């Protein structure tokens, strides 16, 4: 989630952003 911004009476969200694309991996199972 992107940082909120103070607008008038309260904070309003700014949307979201893709932070990473990860593998779904359990290293114990791989080992």
ModelCIF file with pLDDT and N, C-alpha, C, O atoms, coordinates in Angstrom:
data_MODEL
#
_entry.id   MODEL 
#
_entity.id                         1 
_entity.type                       polymer 
_entity.pdbx_number_of_molecules   1 
#
_entity_poly.entity_id                      1 
_entity_poly.type                           'polypeptide(L)' 
_entity_poly.nstd_linkage                   no 
_entity_poly.nstd_monomer                   no 
_entity_poly.pdbx_seq_one_letter_code       
;(UNK)(UNK)(UNK)(UNK)(UNK)(UNK)(UNK)(UNK)(UNK)(UNK)(UNK)(UNK)(UNK)(UNK)(UNK)(UNK)
(UNK)(UNK)(UNK)(UNK)(UNK)(UNK)(UNK)(UNK)(UNK)(UNK)(UNK)(UNK)(UNK)(UNK)(UNK)
;
_entity_poly.pdbx_seq_one_letter_code_can   XXXXXXXXXXXXXXXXXXXXXXXXXXXXXXX 
_entity_poly.pdbx_strand_id                 A 
#
loop_
_entity_poly_seq.entity_id 
_entity_poly_seq.num 
_entity_poly_seq.mon_id 
_entity_poly_seq.hetero 
1 1  UNK n 
1 2  UNK n 
1 3  UNK n 
1 4  UNK n 
1 5  UNK n 
1 6  UNK n 
1 7  UNK n 
1 8  UNK n 
1 9  UNK n 
1 10 UNK n 
1 11 UNK n 
1 12 UNK n 
1 13 UNK n 
1 14 UNK n 
1 15 UNK n 
1 16 UNK n 
1 17 UNK n 
1 18 UNK n 
1 19 UNK n 
1 20 UNK n 
1 21 UNK n 
1 22 UNK n 
1 23 UNK n 
1 24 UNK n 
1 25 UNK n 
1 26 UNK n 
1 27 UNK n 
1 28 UNK n 
1 29 UNK n 
1 30 UNK n 
1 31 UNK n 
#
_struct_asym.id          A 
_struct_asym.entity_id   1 
#
loop_
_ma_qa_metric.id 
_ma_qa_metric.mode 
_ma_qa_metric.name 
_ma_qa_metric.software_group_id 
_ma_qa_metric.type 
1 global pLDDT . pLDDT 
2 local  pLDDT . pLDDT 
#
_ma_qa_metric_global.metric_id      1 
_ma_qa_metric_global.metric_value   82.39 
_ma_qa_metric_global.model_id       1 
_ma_qa_metric_global.ordinal_id     1 
#
loop_
_ma_qa_metric_local.label_asym_id 
_ma_qa_metric_local.label_comp_id 
_ma_qa_metric_local.label_seq_id 
_ma_qa_metric_local.metric_id 
_ma_qa_metric_local.metric_value 
_ma_qa_metric_local.model_id 
_ma_qa_metric_local.ordinal_id 
A UNK 1  2 84.00 1 1  
A UNK 2  2 82.00 1 2  
A UNK 3  2 83.00 1 3  
A UNK 4  2 81.00 1 4  
A UNK 5  2 79.00 1 5  
A UNK 6  2 72.00 1 6  
A UNK 7  2 75.00 1 7  
A UNK 8  2 72.00 1 8  
A UNK 9  2 77.00 1 9  
A UNK 10 2 76.00 1 10 
A UNK 11 2 77.00 1 11 
A UNK 12 2 79.00 1 12 
A UNK 13 2 75.00 1 13 
A UNK 14 2 76.00 1 14 
A UNK 15 2 79.00 1 15 
A UNK 16 2 80.00 1 16 
A UNK 17 2 83.00 1 17 
A UNK 18 2 82.00 1 18 
A UNK 19 2 81.00 1 19 
A UNK 20 2 83.00 1 20 
A UNK 21 2 85.00 1 21 
A UNK 22 2 84.00 1 22 
A UNK 23 2 89.00 1 23 
A UNK 24 2 87.00 1 24 
A UNK 25 2 89.00 1 25 
A UNK 26 2 88.00 1 26 
A UNK 27 2 89.00 1 27 
A UNK 28 2 92.00 1 28 
A UNK 29 2 93.00 1 29 
A UNK 30 2 91.00 1 30 
A UNK 31 2 91.00 1 31 
#
loop_
_atom_site.group_PDB 
_atom_site.id 
_atom_site.type_symbol 
_atom_site.label_atom_id 
_atom_site.label_alt_id 
_atom_site.label_comp_id 
_atom_site.label_asym_id 
_atom_site.label_entity_id 
_atom_site.label_seq_id 
_atom_site.pdbx_PDB_ins_code 
_atom_site.Cartn_x 
_atom_site.Cartn_y 
_atom_site.Cartn_z 
_atom_site.occupancy 
_atom_site.B_iso_or_equiv 
_atom_site.pdbx_formal_charge 
_atom_site.auth_seq_id 
_atom_site.auth_comp_id 
_atom_site.auth_asym_id 
_atom_site.auth_atom_id 
_atom_site.pdbx_PDB_model_num 
ATOM 1   N N  . UNK A 1 1  ? 0.842   -1.196  0.000  1.00 84.00 ? 1  UNK A N  1 
ATOM 2   C CA . UNK A 1 1  ? 0.000   0.000   0.000  1.00 84.00 ? 1  UNK A CA 1 
ATOM 3   C C  . UNK A 1 1  ? 0.881   1.251   0.000  1.00 84.00 ? 1  UNK A C  1 
ATOM 4   O O  . UNK A 1 1  ? 1.844   1.350   0.761  1.00 84.00 ? 1  UNK A O  1 
ATOM 5   N N  . UNK A 1 2  ? 0.533   2.195   -0.863 1.00 82.00 ? 2  UNK A N  1 
ATOM 6   C CA . UNK A 1 2  ? 1.280   3.454   -0.892 1.00 82.00 ? 2  UNK A CA 1 
ATOM 7   C C  . UNK A 1 2  ? 0.940   4.288   0.342  1.00 82.00 ? 2  UNK A C  1 
ATOM 8   O O  . UNK A 1 2  ? -0.120  4.099   0.938  1.00 82.00 ? 2  UNK A O  1 
ATOM 9   N N  . UNK A 1 3  ? 1.816   5.198   0.730  1.00 83.00 ? 3  UNK A N  1 
ATOM 10  C CA . UNK A 1 3  ? 1.581   6.015   1.939  1.00 83.00 ? 3  UNK A CA 1 
ATOM 11  C C  . UNK A 1 3  ? 0.289   6.835   1.833  1.00 83.00 ? 3  UNK A C  1 
ATOM 12  O O  . UNK A 1 3  ? -0.067  7.339   0.767  1.00 83.00 ? 3  UNK A O  1 
ATOM 13  N N  . UNK A 1 4  ? -0.386  6.948   2.957  1.00 81.00 ? 4  UNK A N  1 
ATOM 14  C CA . UNK A 1 4  ? -1.585  7.774   3.011  1.00 81.00 ? 4  UNK A CA 1 
ATOM 15  C C  . UNK A 1 4  ? -1.220  9.267   2.945  1.00 81.00 ? 4  UNK A C  1 
ATOM 16  O O  . UNK A 1 4  ? -0.096  9.668   3.247  1.00 81.00 ? 4  UNK A O  1 
ATOM 17  N N  . UNK A 1 5  ? -2.182  10.047  2.551  1.00 79.00 ? 5  UNK A N  1 
ATOM 18  C CA . UNK A 1 5  ? -1.991  11.502  2.482  1.00 79.00 ? 5  UNK A CA 1 
ATOM 19  C C  . UNK A 1 5  ? -3.080  12.181  3.303  1.00 79.00 ? 5  UNK A C  1 
ATOM 20  O O  . UNK A 1 5  ? -4.239  11.765  3.290  1.00 79.00 ? 5  UNK A O  1 
ATOM 21  N N  . UNK A 1 6  ? -2.678  13.265  4.039  1.00 72.00 ? 6  UNK A N  1 
ATOM 22  C CA . UNK A 1 6  ? -3.625  14.000  4.868  1.00 72.00 ? 6  UNK A CA 1 
ATOM 23  C C  . UNK A 1 6  ? -4.451  14.930  3.986  1.00 72.00 ? 6  UNK A C  1 
ATOM 24  O O  . UNK A 1 6  ? -3.936  15.848  3.348  1.00 72.00 ? 6  UNK A O  1 
ATOM 25  N N  . UNK A 1 7  ? -5.703  14.666  3.975  1.00 75.00 ? 7  UNK A N  1 
ATOM 26  C CA . UNK A 1 7  ? -6.615  15.485  3.172  1.00 75.00 ? 7  UNK A CA 1 
ATOM 27  C C  . UNK A 1 7  ? -7.787  15.941  4.033  1.00 75.00 ? 7  UNK A C  1 
ATOM 28  O O  . UNK A 1 7  ? -8.633  15.130  4.408  1.00 75.00 ? 7  UNK A O  1 
ATOM 29  N N  . UNK A 1 8  ? -7.842  17.222  4.348  1.00 72.00 ? 8  UNK A N  1 
ATOM 30  C CA . UNK A 1 8  ? -8.960  17.743  5.128  1.00 72.00 ? 8  UNK A CA 1 
ATOM 31  C C  . UNK A 1 8  ? -9.079  17.080  6.479  1.00 72.00 ? 8  UNK A C  1 
ATOM 32  O O  . UNK A 1 8  ? -8.167  17.160  7.303  1.00 72.00 ? 8  UNK A O  1 
ATOM 33  N N  . UNK A 1 9  ? -10.184 16.434  6.705  1.00 77.00 ? 9  UNK A N  1 
ATOM 34  C CA . UNK A 1 9  ? -10.449 15.869  8.034  1.00 77.00 ? 9  UNK A CA 1 
ATOM 35  C C  . UNK A 1 9  ? -9.653  14.604  8.351  1.00 77.00 ? 9  UNK A C  1 
ATOM 36  O O  . UNK A 1 9  ? -9.641  14.195  9.512  1.00 77.00 ? 9  UNK A O  1 
ATOM 37  N N  . UNK A 1 10 ? -8.994  13.964  7.396  1.00 76.00 ? 10 UNK A N  1 
ATOM 38  C CA . UNK A 1 10 ? -8.320  12.698  7.683  1.00 76.00 ? 10 UNK A CA 1 
ATOM 39  C C  . UNK A 1 10 ? -7.363  12.278  6.579  1.00 76.00 ? 10 UNK A C  1 
ATOM 40  O O  . UNK A 1 10 ? -7.120  13.010  5.619  1.00 76.00 ? 10 UNK A O  1 
ATOM 41  N N  . UNK A 1 11 ? -6.822  11.058  6.751  1.00 77.00 ? 11 UNK A N  1 
ATOM 42  C CA . UNK A 1 11 ? -5.863  10.506  5.798  1.00 77.00 ? 11 UNK A CA 1 
ATOM 43  C C  . UNK A 1 11 ? -6.595  9.698   4.736  1.00 77.00 ? 11 UNK A C  1 
ATOM 44  O O  . UNK A 1 11 ? -7.503  8.921   5.031  1.00 77.00 ? 11 UNK A O  1 
ATOM 45  N N  . UNK A 1 12 ? -6.180  9.900   3.516  1.00 79.00 ? 12 UNK A N  1 
ATOM 46  C CA . UNK A 1 12 ? -6.781  9.189   2.387  1.00 79.00 ? 12 UNK A CA 1 
ATOM 47  C C  . UNK A 1 12 ? -5.697  8.368   1.709  1.00 79.00 ? 12 UNK A C  1 
ATOM 48  O O  . UNK A 1 12 ? -4.591  8.854   1.476  1.00 79.00 ? 12 UNK A O  1 
ATOM 49  N N  . UNK A 1 13 ? -6.030  7.085   1.384  1.00 75.00 ? 13 UNK A N  1 
ATOM 50  C CA . UNK A 1 13 ? -5.069  6.206   0.732  1.00 75.00 ? 13 UNK A CA 1 
ATOM 51  C C  . UNK A 1 13 ? -4.657  6.695   -0.636 1.00 75.00 ? 13 UNK A C  1 
ATOM 52  O O  . UNK A 1 13 ? -5.364  7.459   -1.293 1.00 75.00 ? 13 UNK A O  1 
ATOM 53  N N  . UNK A 1 14 ? -3.476  6.226   -1.048 1.00 76.00 ? 14 UNK A N  1 
ATOM 54  C CA . UNK A 1 14 ? -2.916  6.656   -2.332 1.00 76.00 ? 14 UNK A CA 1 
ATOM 55  C C  . UNK A 1 14 ? -2.826  5.518   -3.338 1.00 76.00 ? 14 UNK A C  1 
ATOM 56  O O  . UNK A 1 14 ? -2.167  5.652   -4.369 1.00 76.00 ? 14 UNK A O  1 
ATOM 57  N N  . UNK A 1 15 ? -3.477  4.410   -3.049 1.00 79.00 ? 15 UNK A N  1 
ATOM 58  C CA . UNK A 1 15 ? -3.394  3.279   -3.961 1.00 79.00 ? 15 UNK A CA 1 
ATOM 59  C C  . UNK A 1 15 ? -2.338  2.275   -3.515 1.00 79.00 ? 15 UNK A C  1 
ATOM 60  O O  . UNK A 1 15 ? -2.013  2.203   -2.330 1.00 79.00 ? 15 UNK A O  1 
ATOM 61  N N  . UNK A 1 16 ? -1.806  1.510   -4.445 1.00 80.00 ? 16 UNK A N  1 
ATOM 62  C CA . UNK A 1 16 ? -0.820  0.468   -4.123 1.00 80.00 ? 16 UNK A CA 1 
ATOM 63  C C  . UNK A 1 16 ? 0.203   0.352   -5.247 1.00 80.00 ? 16 UNK A C  1 
ATOM 64  O O  . UNK A 1 16 ? 0.049   0.920   -6.328 1.00 80.00 ? 16 UNK A O  1 
ATOM 65  N N  . UNK A 1 17 ? 1.254   -0.408  -4.944 1.00 83.00 ? 17 UNK A N  1 
ATOM 66  C CA . UNK A 1 17 ? 2.324   -0.596  -5.923 1.00 83.00 ? 17 UNK A CA 1 
ATOM 67  C C  . UNK A 1 17 ? 2.879   -2.013  -5.787 1.00 83.00 ? 17 UNK A C  1 
ATOM 68  O O  . UNK A 1 17 ? 2.899   -2.574  -4.692 1.00 83.00 ? 17 UNK A O  1 
ATOM 69  N N  . UNK A 1 18 ? 3.326   -2.585  -6.896 1.00 82.00 ? 18 UNK A N  1 
ATOM 70  C CA . UNK A 1 18 ? 3.958   -3.912  -6.876 1.00 82.00 ? 18 UNK A CA 1 
ATOM 71  C C  . UNK A 1 18 ? 5.362   -3.769  -6.301 1.00 82.00 ? 18 UNK A C  1 
ATOM 72  O O  . UNK A 1 18 ? 6.208   -3.090  -6.883 1.00 82.00 ? 18 UNK A O  1 
ATOM 73  N N  . UNK A 1 19 ? 5.610   -4.406  -5.159 1.00 81.00 ? 19 UNK A N  1 
ATOM 74  C CA . UNK A 1 19 ? 6.932   -4.313  -4.519 1.00 81.00 ? 19 UNK A CA 1 
ATOM 75  C C  . UNK A 1 19 ? 7.896   -5.391  -4.996 1.00 81.00 ? 19 UNK A C  1 
ATOM 76  O O  . UNK A 1 19 ? 9.107   -5.174  -5.016 1.00 81.00 ? 19 UNK A O  1 
ATOM 77  N N  . UNK A 1 20 ? 7.362   -6.566  -5.385 1.00 83.00 ? 20 UNK A N  1 
ATOM 78  C CA . UNK A 1 20 ? 8.250   -7.655  -5.811 1.00 83.00 ? 20 UNK A CA 1 
ATOM 79  C C  . UNK A 1 20 ? 7.422   -8.753  -6.478 1.00 83.00 ? 20 UNK A C  1 
ATOM 80  O O  . UNK A 1 20 ? 6.208   -8.838  -6.296 1.00 83.00 ? 20 UNK A O  1 
ATOM 81  N N  . UNK A 1 21 ? 8.102   -9.576  -7.244 1.00 85.00 ? 21 UNK A N  1 
ATOM 82  C CA . UNK A 1 21 ? 7.505   -10.804 -7.790 1.00 85.00 ? 21 UNK A CA 1 
ATOM 83  C C  . UNK A 1 21 ? 8.346   -11.954 -7.249 1.00 85.00 ? 21 UNK A C  1 
ATOM 84  O O  . UNK A 1 21 ? 9.512   -12.095 -7.619 1.00 85.00 ? 21 UNK A O  1 
ATOM 85  N N  . UNK A 1 22 ? 7.780   -12.760 -6.393 1.00 84.00 ? 22 UNK A N  1 
ATOM 86  C CA . UNK A 1 22 ? 8.546   -13.772 -5.666 1.00 84.00 ? 22 UNK A CA 1 
ATOM 87  C C  . UNK A 1 22 ? 8.152   -15.186 -6.075 1.00 84.00 ? 22 UNK A C  1 
ATOM 88  O O  . UNK A 1 22 ? 7.068   -15.438 -6.602 1.00 84.00 ? 22 UNK A O  1 
ATOM 89  N N  . UNK A 1 23 ? 9.093   -16.101 -5.803 1.00 89.00 ? 23 UNK A N  1 
ATOM 90  C CA . UNK A 1 23 ? 8.793   -17.528 -5.956 1.00 89.00 ? 23 UNK A CA 1 
ATOM 91  C C  . UNK A 1 23 ? 8.127   -18.026 -4.679 1.00 89.00 ? 23 UNK A C  1 
ATOM 92  O O  . UNK A 1 23 ? 8.490   -17.617 -3.576 1.00 89.00 ? 23 UNK A O  1 
ATOM 93  N N  . UNK A 1 24 ? 7.163   -18.901 -4.839 1.00 87.00 ? 24 UNK A N  1 
ATOM 94  C CA . UNK A 1 24 ? 6.543   -19.538 -3.672 1.00 87.00 ? 24 UNK A CA 1 
ATOM 95  C C  . UNK A 1 24 ? 7.352   -20.798 -3.374 1.00 87.00 ? 24 UNK A C  1 
ATOM 96  O O  . UNK A 1 24 ? 7.123   -21.848 -3.974 1.00 87.00 ? 24 UNK A O  1 
ATOM 97  N N  . UNK A 1 25 ? 8.276   -20.687 -2.465 1.00 89.00 ? 25 UNK A N  1 
ATOM 98  C CA . UNK A 1 25 ? 9.236   -21.762 -2.207 1.00 89.00 ? 25 UNK A CA 1 
ATOM 99  C C  . UNK A 1 25 ? 9.418   -21.941 -0.710 1.00 89.00 ? 25 UNK A C  1 
ATOM 100 O O  . UNK A 1 25 ? 9.545   -20.972 0.039  1.00 89.00 ? 25 UNK A O  1 
ATOM 101 N N  . UNK A 1 26 ? 9.429   -23.225 -0.280 1.00 88.00 ? 26 UNK A N  1 
ATOM 102 C CA . UNK A 1 26 ? 9.820   -23.579 1.080  1.00 88.00 ? 26 UNK A CA 1 
ATOM 103 C C  . UNK A 1 26 ? 11.167  -24.289 0.970  1.00 88.00 ? 26 UNK A C  1 
ATOM 104 O O  . UNK A 1 26 ? 11.237  -25.415 0.478  1.00 88.00 ? 26 UNK A O  1 
ATOM 105 N N  . UNK A 1 27 ? 12.231  -23.640 1.423  1.00 89.00 ? 27 UNK A N  1 
ATOM 106 C CA . UNK A 1 27 ? 13.576  -24.179 1.230  1.00 89.00 ? 27 UNK A CA 1 
ATOM 107 C C  . UNK A 1 27 ? 13.750  -25.526 1.911  1.00 89.00 ? 27 UNK A C  1 
ATOM 108 O O  . UNK A 1 27 ? 14.530  -26.362 1.454  1.00 89.00 ? 27 UNK A O  1 
ATOM 109 N N  . UNK A 1 28 ? 13.028  -25.739 2.998  1.00 92.00 ? 28 UNK A N  1 
ATOM 110 C CA . UNK A 1 28 ? 13.097  -27.051 3.663  1.00 92.00 ? 28 UNK A CA 1 
ATOM 111 C C  . UNK A 1 28 ? 12.594  -28.147 2.734  1.00 92.00 ? 28 UNK A C  1 
ATOM 112 O O  . UNK A 1 28 ? 13.201  -29.215 2.652  1.00 92.00 ? 28 UNK A O  1 
ATOM 113 N N  . UNK A 1 29 ? 11.498  -27.896 2.039  1.00 93.00 ? 29 UNK A N  1 
ATOM 114 C CA . UNK A 1 29 ? 10.942  -28.900 1.133  1.00 93.00 ? 29 UNK A CA 1 
ATOM 115 C C  . UNK A 1 29 ? 11.867  -29.134 -0.055 1.00 93.00 ? 29 UNK A C  1 
ATOM 116 O O  . UNK A 1 29 ? 12.017  -30.267 -0.514 1.00 93.00 ? 29 UNK A O  1 
ATOM 117 N N  . UNK A 1 30 ? 12.483  -28.072 -0.550 1.00 91.00 ? 30 UNK A N  1 
ATOM 118 C CA . UNK A 1 30 ? 13.423  -28.215 -1.669 1.00 91.00 ? 30 UNK A CA 1 
ATOM 119 C C  . UNK A 1 30 ? 14.614  -29.077 -1.244 1.00 91.00 ? 30 UNK A C  1 
ATOM 120 O O  . UNK A 1 30 ? 15.058  -29.957 -1.982 1.00 91.00 ? 30 UNK A O  1 
ATOM 121 N N  . UNK A 1 31 ? 15.118  -28.805 -0.038 1.00 91.00 ? 31 UNK A N  1 
ATOM 122 C CA . UNK A 1 31 ? 16.244  -29.597 0.471  1.00 91.00 ? 31 UNK A CA 1 
ATOM 123 C C  . UNK A 1 31 ? 15.842  -31.053 0.682  1.00 91.00 ? 31 UNK A C  1 
ATOM 124 O O  . UNK A 1 31 ? 16.663  -31.865 1.106  1.00 91.00 ? 31 UNK A O  1 
#
